[in-house]
Amino acid sequence: MKERYDVLIIGSGPGGAIAARTAANAGLSVCIVEKRPAVGTPVRCAEGIGMDALAEFIEPDPAWISAEMAGAEIIAPDGTSMRLSSQMAGSKVGYILERKLFDRELVKQAVAAGADVFMKTRAAAPILEDGYVCGAKLEHNGTVADVRAAVTIAADGVESKFSRWCGIDTTVPLREIMSSAQYLMTNINIEPNITVFYLGNTVAPEGYLWVFPKGDRMANVGIGISGRKSGDGHRAIDYLDTFVKAHFPEGKIIESIVAGVSVCRPLESTVADGLIIVGDAARVVDPLTGGGIYNAMFTGKLAAETAVKCLKSGDVSKKALMEYDQAWRASKMGKTIERNYKVKEYLIRQPDEKLNSLIRSVKEIDLAEMSTFNLIRELVRRNPRILLDFGAIKEFLA
């Protein structure tokens, strides 16, 4: 490990890896540090991503794709099923990844571009000078060393401490933390190319439950509920166990994970002097779906591009790095986060009877393109009073 780099990246997930690959390909010296002993573990993710979204960053490889999805199904509290059929039906519209292999491939590409990577290396504290983040104190194998960098990128996930140590307010209200649990299950009867979502305050209060296929009779079966709905006897894993017992009594659990996912608005600012924050650490998870792989990669790439530009100009101040913050907020991704936050806030206030009515209203629809936006737009068209709750969101009807 060198004492100085152009860019130091805290975290080896998709956001950190894409940032490293982008910066290294631009000729910068780059170091990734990861506190865990292995890239890609533990898997705190349902592992789904759209086909086009993935293609922006990497060529799909069967080695790390568990299943190809052709559609989705949403189950209302009363059991009403809504199938999302589209003109694309029969072709793949998304993938369920094998994140352990996928993340490693991204890091492998970053290393091939010239980045250094160090595992079991924890950022113990930022190096701060005159208000600037100038790298980090890194703990590795019981020793602590200062590693300086012109730009530090925080990509250390939802539990990120590094940004807070740098003076960023990362507080998330309890109601906007999704308490999640997931099993990787085998020996279960599922449709191998359809993702399924279950809604309802009995099944998943202020959240949803998912079944994401991962091959023959295998799937990620998980749940996310509002943090304020979680407590002794009614935690996310309690709801998940109830569902599994009812729907997959013969299924076998071969992996289990619990985690928290922020479903709030993003951080008020995702930059500081010498610092850029990406992915889950920046709270750019989709508030409606909880999905974050694409958003992490998008912000990681943009962060690196901004770092390259600012290093060339010799200015890594917050004002200069703010180009990153403004760019992602103005992007399609940023606008989607804001829109889906409002939709999420609307949906979690609805009783089961209203959710049943909404799903029945779009029970059979044909979408030109399968997307969350098109589904929401169709809901609004068939239930125009929703606009009273959303406010002046005219793009729903565009």
Foldseek 3Di string as FASTA:
>chain_A
DDQEWQEEEEDLFLLRLLLLLLLLLVPTAYEYEEQAQAFQPPPPDQQKDFPVLVVVRDDDDPVWFLAFAQWAWEAAPVGQIFTAAAPSHPHGGITRTNRRVVSVVSNVSSVVSPYHYYYSKDFPAFDADPLAGFAGFIADPRDTGRRGHLAYEYEPAQVDPHVVRSPFPSDADQQQKWKKKKFWKAPADDDQRYKYWYDACQLAQLWIWIWAHRYDRITITMITHGRVQADVCDHRVNSSVVVCCVHPVPMDTDDMDIDIAGLAQFGPAQDAQRYGYAWNRRNLQQNQHSDTSSRSNVLSSLQSVLSSVCVVVVGRGRVSSCVSVVVCCPDPSNVSSVQSSLVSVVVSPDHSVVSVVLCVQPRDDYYNRDDPLLSQLSSCVSVVCVCVSSPPPVVSPD
